[in-house]
C-alpha atoms as a PDB file:
ATOM      1  CA  UNK A   1    -193.288  73.527 -30.814  1.00  0.00           C
ATOM      2  CA  UNK A   2    -190.228  74.053 -33.003  1.00  0.00           C
ATOM      3  CA  UNK A   3    -189.417  71.139 -35.241  1.00  0.00           C
ATOM      4  CA  UNK A   4    -186.012  69.574 -35.525  1.00  0.00           C
ATOM      5  CA  UNK A   5    -184.024  69.985 -38.708  1.00  0.00           C
ATOM      6  CA  UNK A   6    -181.982  67.275 -40.341  1.00  0.00           C
ATOM      7  CA  UNK A   7    -178.326  68.264 -40.833  1.00  0.00           C
ATOM      8  CA  UNK A   8    -175.249  66.593 -42.220  1.00  0.00           C
ATOM      9  CA  UNK A   9    -171.607  67.608 -42.315  1.00  0.00           C
ATOM     10  CA  UNK A  10    -168.170  66.060 -42.391  1.00  0.00           C
ATOM     11  CA  UNK A  11    -166.623  65.726 -38.947  1.00  0.00           C
ATOM     12  CA  UNK A  12    -162.998  64.674 -38.680  1.00  0.00           C
ATOM     13  CA  UNK A  13    -163.209  63.150 -42.155  1.00  0.00           C
ATOM     14  CA  UNK A  14    -166.449  61.217 -41.601  1.00  0.00           C
ATOM     15  CA  UNK A  15    -169.970  62.123 -42.705  1.00  0.00           C
ATOM     16  CA  UNK A  16    -172.231  62.816 -39.724  1.00  0.00           C
ATOM     17  CA  UNK A  17    -175.977  63.190 -39.796  1.00  0.00           C
ATOM     18  CA  UNK A  18    -178.473  64.072 -37.142  1.00  0.00           C
ATOM     19  CA  UNK A  19    -181.333  66.257 -36.098  1.00  0.00           C
ATOM     20  CA  UNK A  20    -181.119  69.523 -34.217  1.00  0.00           C
ATOM     21  CA  UNK A  21    -183.471  72.197 -33.063  1.00  0.00           C
ATOM     22  CA  UNK A  22    -182.872  75.375 -35.080  1.00  0.00           C
ATOM     23  CA  UNK A  23    -181.311  77.167 -32.096  1.00  0.00           C
ATOM     24  CA  UNK A  24    -179.140  74.281 -30.846  1.00  0.00           C
ATOM     25  CA  UNK A  25    -175.511  75.358 -30.653  1.00  0.00           C
ATOM     26  CA  UNK A  26    -172.876  73.471 -32.592  1.00  0.00           C
ATOM     27  CA  UNK A  27    -170.923  72.762 -29.394  1.00  0.00           C
ATOM     28  CA  UNK A  28    -174.006  71.112 -27.880  1.00  0.00           C
ATOM     29  CA  UNK A  29    -174.654  69.095 -31.042  1.00  0.00           C
ATOM     30  CA  UNK A  30    -171.048  67.872 -31.092  1.00  0.00           C
ATOM     31  CA  UNK A  31    -171.094  66.894 -27.427  1.00  0.00           C
ATOM     32  CA  UNK A  32    -174.667  65.796 -26.766  1.00  0.00           C
ATOM     33  CA  UNK A  33    -175.759  64.327 -30.100  1.00  0.00           C
ATOM     34  CA  UNK A  34    -172.476  63.054 -31.572  1.00  0.00           C
ATOM     35  CA  UNK A  35    -170.688  62.290 -28.289  1.00  0.00           C
ATOM     36  CA  UNK A  36    -167.575  64.300 -29.238  1.00  0.00           C
ATOM     37  CA  UNK A  37    -166.760  65.664 -25.797  1.00  0.00           C
ATOM     38  CA  UNK A  38    -163.247  66.894 -26.592  1.00  0.00           C
ATOM     39  CA  UNK A  39    -164.738  70.263 -27.503  1.00  0.00           C
ATOM     40  CA  UNK A  40    -165.435  71.965 -24.190  1.00  0.00           C
ATOM     41  CA  UNK A  41    -168.115  74.434 -23.149  1.00  0.00           C
ATOM     42  CA  UNK A  42    -166.567  77.349 -21.319  1.00  0.00           C
ATOM     43  CA  UNK A  43    -167.999  80.845 -21.177  1.00  0.00           C
ATOM     44  CA  UNK A  44    -170.760  80.273 -23.764  1.00  0.00           C
ATOM     45  CA  UNK A  45    -170.120  83.815 -25.044  1.00  0.00           C
ATOM     46  CA  UNK A  46    -167.268  83.246 -27.521  1.00  0.00           C
ATOM     47  CA  UNK A  47    -164.671  84.801 -25.237  1.00  0.00           C
ATOM     48  CA  UNK A  48    -162.641  81.963 -23.701  1.00  0.00           C
ATOM     49  CA  UNK A  49    -162.002  79.810 -26.776  1.00  0.00           C
ATOM     50  CA  UNK A  50    -162.538  76.444 -25.045  1.00  0.00           C
ATOM     51  CA  UNK A  51    -165.092  75.473 -27.706  1.00  0.00           C
ATOM     52  CA  UNK A  52    -162.910  76.305 -30.712  1.00  0.00           C
ATOM     53  CA  UNK A  53    -163.174  73.940 -33.662  1.00  0.00           C
ATOM     54  CA  UNK A  54    -162.112  74.401 -37.265  1.00  0.00           C
ATOM     55  CA  UNK A  55    -165.030  74.880 -39.673  1.00  0.00           C
ATOM     56  CA  UNK A  56    -164.199  74.970 -43.376  1.00  0.00           C
ATOM     57  CA  UNK A  57    -160.586  75.766 -42.560  1.00  0.00           C
ATOM     58  CA  UNK A  58    -161.163  78.550 -40.031  1.00  0.00           C
ATOM     59  CA  UNK A  59    -161.114  78.546 -36.233  1.00  0.00           C
ATOM     60  CA  UNK A  60    -164.698  78.954 -35.059  1.00  0.00           C
ATOM     61  CA  UNK A  61    -166.246  79.327 -31.630  1.00  0.00           C
ATOM     62  CA  UNK A  62    -168.764  76.497 -31.656  1.00  0.00           C
ATOM     63  CA  UNK A  63    -170.729  78.199 -28.854  1.00  0.00           C
ATOM     64  CA  UNK A  64    -171.533  81.035 -31.263  1.00  0.00           C
ATOM     65  CA  UNK A  65    -172.669  78.880 -34.179  1.00  0.00           C
ATOM     66  CA  UNK A  66    -175.933  77.031 -34.540  1.00  0.00           C
ATOM     67  CA  UNK A  67    -175.644  73.381 -35.482  1.00  0.00           C
ATOM     68  CA  UNK A  68    -177.906  73.955 -38.498  1.00  0.00           C
ATOM     69  CA  UNK A  69    -175.355  76.476 -39.824  1.00  0.00           C
ATOM     70  CA  UNK A  70    -172.881  73.606 -40.133  1.00  0.00           C
ATOM     71  CA  UNK A  71    -174.929  71.972 -42.894  1.00  0.00           C
ATOM     72  CA  UNK A  72    -172.506  70.753 -45.562  1.00  0.00           C
ATOM     73  CA  UNK A  73    -169.443  72.045 -43.686  1.00  0.00           C
ATOM     74  CA  UNK A  74    -166.178  70.292 -42.986  1.00  0.00           C
ATOM     75  CA  UNK A  75    -165.412  70.377 -39.271  1.00  0.00           C
ATOM     76  CA  UNK A  76    -162.261  69.377 -37.431  1.00  0.00           C
ATOM     77  CA  UNK A  77    -162.275  68.863 -33.671  1.00  0.00           C
ATOM     78  CA  UNK A  78    -159.476  67.855 -31.343  1.00  0.00           C
ATOM     79  CA  UNK A  79    -160.599  64.221 -31.693  1.00  0.00           C
ATOM     80  CA  UNK A  80    -159.682  64.369 -35.381  1.00  0.00           C
ATOM     81  CA  UNK A  81    -156.038  65.321 -34.836  1.00  0.00           C
ATOM     82  CA  UNK A  82    -154.440  62.106 -33.601  1.00  0.00           C
ATOM     83  CA  UNK A  83    -153.984  59.157 -35.926  1.00  0.00           C
ATOM     84  CA  UNK A  84    -154.914  56.217 -33.761  1.00  0.00           C
ATOM     85  CA  UNK A  85    -152.587  56.299 -30.776  1.00  0.00           C
ATOM     86  CA  UNK A  86    -150.181  58.710 -32.507  1.00  0.00           C
ATOM     87  CA  UNK A  87    -150.685  62.257 -31.297  1.00  0.00           C
ATOM     88  CA  UNK A  88    -150.648  65.235 -33.653  1.00  0.00           C
ATOM     89  CA  UNK A  89    -147.260  67.037 -33.489  1.00  0.00           C
ATOM     90  CA  UNK A  90    -148.836  70.003 -31.674  1.00  0.00           C
ATOM     91  CA  UNK A  91    -150.385  67.694 -29.073  1.00  0.00           C
ATOM     92  CA  UNK A  92    -146.946  66.192 -28.476  1.00  0.00           C
ATOM     93  CA  UNK A  93    -145.432  69.669 -28.123  1.00  0.00           C
ATOM     94  CA  UNK A  94    -148.093  70.722 -25.614  1.00  0.00           C
ATOM     95  CA  UNK A  95    -147.096  67.728 -23.518  1.00  0.00           C
ATOM     96  CA  UNK A  96    -143.366  68.304 -23.990  1.00  0.00           C
ATOM     97  CA  UNK A  97    -143.573  71.978 -22.954  1.00  0.00           C
ATOM     98  CA  UNK A  98    -146.036  71.272 -20.129  1.00  0.00           C
ATOM     99  CA  UNK A  99    -148.505  73.618 -21.786  1.00  0.00           C
ATOM    100  CA  UNK A 100    -151.472  72.245 -19.880  1.00  0.00           C
ATOM    101  CA  UNK A 101    -152.528  71.629 -16.355  1.00  0.00           C
ATOM    102  CA  UNK A 102    -156.176  70.762 -15.854  1.00  0.00           C
ATOM    103  CA  UNK A 103    -156.576  70.379 -19.628  1.00  0.00           C
ATOM    104  CA  UNK A 104    -159.952  72.091 -19.891  1.00  0.00           C
ATOM    105  CA  UNK A 105    -158.759  74.815 -22.281  1.00  0.00           C
ATOM    106  CA  UNK A 106    -156.283  72.582 -24.119  1.00  0.00           C
ATOM    107  CA  UNK A 107    -158.529  71.427 -27.004  1.00  0.00           C
ATOM    108  CA  UNK A 108    -159.512  75.008 -27.819  1.00  0.00           C
ATOM    109  CA  UNK A 109    -155.899  76.168 -27.445  1.00  0.00           C
ATOM    110  CA  UNK A 110    -154.694  73.472 -29.827  1.00  0.00           C
ATOM    111  CA  UNK A 111    -157.382  74.187 -32.419  1.00  0.00           C
ATOM    112  CA  UNK A 112    -156.665  77.930 -32.183  1.00  0.00           C
ATOM    113  CA  UNK A 113    -152.944  77.267 -32.657  1.00  0.00           C
ATOM    114  CA  UNK A 114    -153.463  74.978 -35.640  1.00  0.00           C
ATOM    115  CA  UNK A 115    -155.583  77.630 -37.336  1.00  0.00           C
ATOM    116  CA  UNK A 116    -153.065  80.347 -36.488  1.00  0.00           C
ATOM    117  CA  UNK A 117    -150.033  78.460 -37.779  1.00  0.00           C
ATOM    118  CA  UNK A 118    -151.539  76.688 -40.761  1.00  0.00           C
ATOM    119  CA  UNK A 119    -153.484  79.688 -42.107  1.00  0.00           C
ATOM    120  CA  UNK A 120    -150.507  82.054 -42.061  1.00  0.00           C
ATOM    121  CA  UNK A 121    -147.436  81.870 -44.239  1.00  0.00           C
ATOM    122  CA  UNK A 122    -145.097  83.174 -41.581  1.00  0.00           C
ATOM    123  CA  UNK A 123    -145.466  84.279 -37.989  1.00  0.00           C
ATOM    124  CA  UNK A 124    -143.211  86.119 -35.583  1.00  0.00           C
ATOM    125  CA  UNK A 125    -143.106  85.370 -31.901  1.00  0.00           C
ATOM    126  CA  UNK A 126    -145.228  88.443 -31.277  1.00  0.00           C
ATOM    127  CA  UNK A 127    -147.791  87.250 -33.858  1.00  0.00           C
ATOM    128  CA  UNK A 128    -148.057  83.970 -31.962  1.00  0.00           C
ATOM    129  CA  UNK A 129    -148.588  85.769 -28.645  1.00  0.00           C
ATOM    130  CA  UNK A 130    -151.292  87.951 -30.157  1.00  0.00           C
ATOM    131  CA  UNK A 131    -152.955  85.059 -32.005  1.00  0.00           C
ATOM    132  CA  UNK A 132    -152.995  82.840 -28.946  1.00  0.00           C
ATOM    133  CA  UNK A 133    -154.544  85.594 -26.841  1.00  0.00           C
ATOM    134  CA  UNK A 134    -157.813  84.439 -28.434  1.00  0.00           C
ATOM    135  CA  UNK A 135    -157.757  81.389 -26.141  1.00  0.00           C
ATOM    136  CA  UNK A 136    -157.790  81.775 -22.374  1.00  0.00           C
ATOM    137  CA  UNK A 137    -156.355  79.542 -19.663  1.00  0.00           C
ATOM    138  CA  UNK A 138    -156.869  79.929 -15.929  1.00  0.00           C
ATOM    139  CA  UNK A 139    -154.355  77.308 -14.772  1.00  0.00           C
ATOM    140  CA  UNK A 140    -151.044  77.836 -16.524  1.00  0.00           C
ATOM    141  CA  UNK A 141    -148.758  80.658 -17.284  1.00  0.00           C
ATOM    142  CA  UNK A 142    -148.774  81.049 -21.027  1.00  0.00           C
ATOM    143  CA  UNK A 143    -145.029  80.427 -21.407  1.00  0.00           C
ATOM    144  CA  UNK A 144    -145.332  76.708 -22.157  1.00  0.00           C
ATOM    145  CA  UNK A 145    -148.246  77.308 -24.526  1.00  0.00           C
ATOM    146  CA  UNK A 146    -146.324  79.941 -26.483  1.00  0.00           C
ATOM    147  CA  UNK A 147    -143.229  77.714 -26.625  1.00  0.00           C
ATOM    148  CA  UNK A 148    -145.276  74.760 -27.901  1.00  0.00           C
ATOM    149  CA  UNK A 149    -146.998  76.846 -30.583  1.00  0.00           C
ATOM    150  CA  UNK A 150    -143.710  78.478 -31.588  1.00  0.00           C
ATOM    151  CA  UNK A 151    -142.061  75.065 -31.936  1.00  0.00           C
ATOM    152  CA  UNK A 152    -145.014  73.864 -34.007  1.00  0.00           C
ATOM    153  CA  UNK A 153    -144.723  76.916 -36.276  1.00  0.00           C
ATOM    154  CA  UNK A 154    -141.001  76.217 -36.695  1.00  0.00           C
ATOM    155  CA  UNK A 155    -141.835  72.642 -37.651  1.00  0.00           C
ATOM    156  CA  UNK A 156    -144.480  73.735 -40.191  1.00  0.00           C
ATOM    157  CA  UNK A 157    -142.449  76.622 -41.650  1.00  0.00           C
ATOM    158  CA  UNK A 158    -139.121  74.763 -41.423  1.00  0.00           C
ATOM    159  CA  UNK A 159    -137.424  77.876 -40.053  1.00  0.00           C
ATOM    160  CA  UNK A 160    -136.710  79.576 -36.732  1.00  0.00           C
ATOM    161  CA  UNK A 161    -139.370  81.962 -35.476  1.00  0.00           C
ATOM    162  CA  UNK A 162    -138.044  85.331 -34.403  1.00  0.00           C
ATOM    163  CA  UNK A 163    -139.508  87.827 -31.974  1.00  0.00           C
ATOM    164  CA  UNK A 164    -140.108  88.125 -28.263  1.00  0.00           C
ATOM    165  CA  UNK A 165    -142.072  84.888 -27.870  1.00  0.00           C
ATOM    166  CA  UNK A 166    -139.174  82.696 -28.971  1.00  0.00           C
ATOM    167  CA  UNK A 167    -136.384  84.552 -27.147  1.00  0.00           C
ATOM    168  CA  UNK A 168    -135.169  82.996 -23.909  1.00  0.00           C
END
């Protein structure tokens, strides 16, 4: 029988510790061990993006990472974005632009967008469309999502985003 391994990492600013089997996925550890169910399990193949979290500053598919690989890492999930009852600006924009329907893909979309915007100095509308193609949604047209992310980029960069995604 495979023995569990003790792991610890910072999750949403707080130290977390637990035990995981060596092949337990990070998404399962977050949900089943730590009770952080905002990160969703979608395709389990790294394609849909529903399980996206930010690990050490980079968007990461938590269904493709073992929990033991997170040892010592700093992880941000959708639960770590809001400050109390105050939503993160991107969460507010997703609501404002009706960029969600069932909400299943929304956490992964938001984490993908935060990584895209905050890890780039400047994006065009086309860059946003291409970057957000890494996260899939079955319920909405992508128009509201692209508008929300574009507005967030404008807020972060303090300038108007140009390109096809912002036109119209």
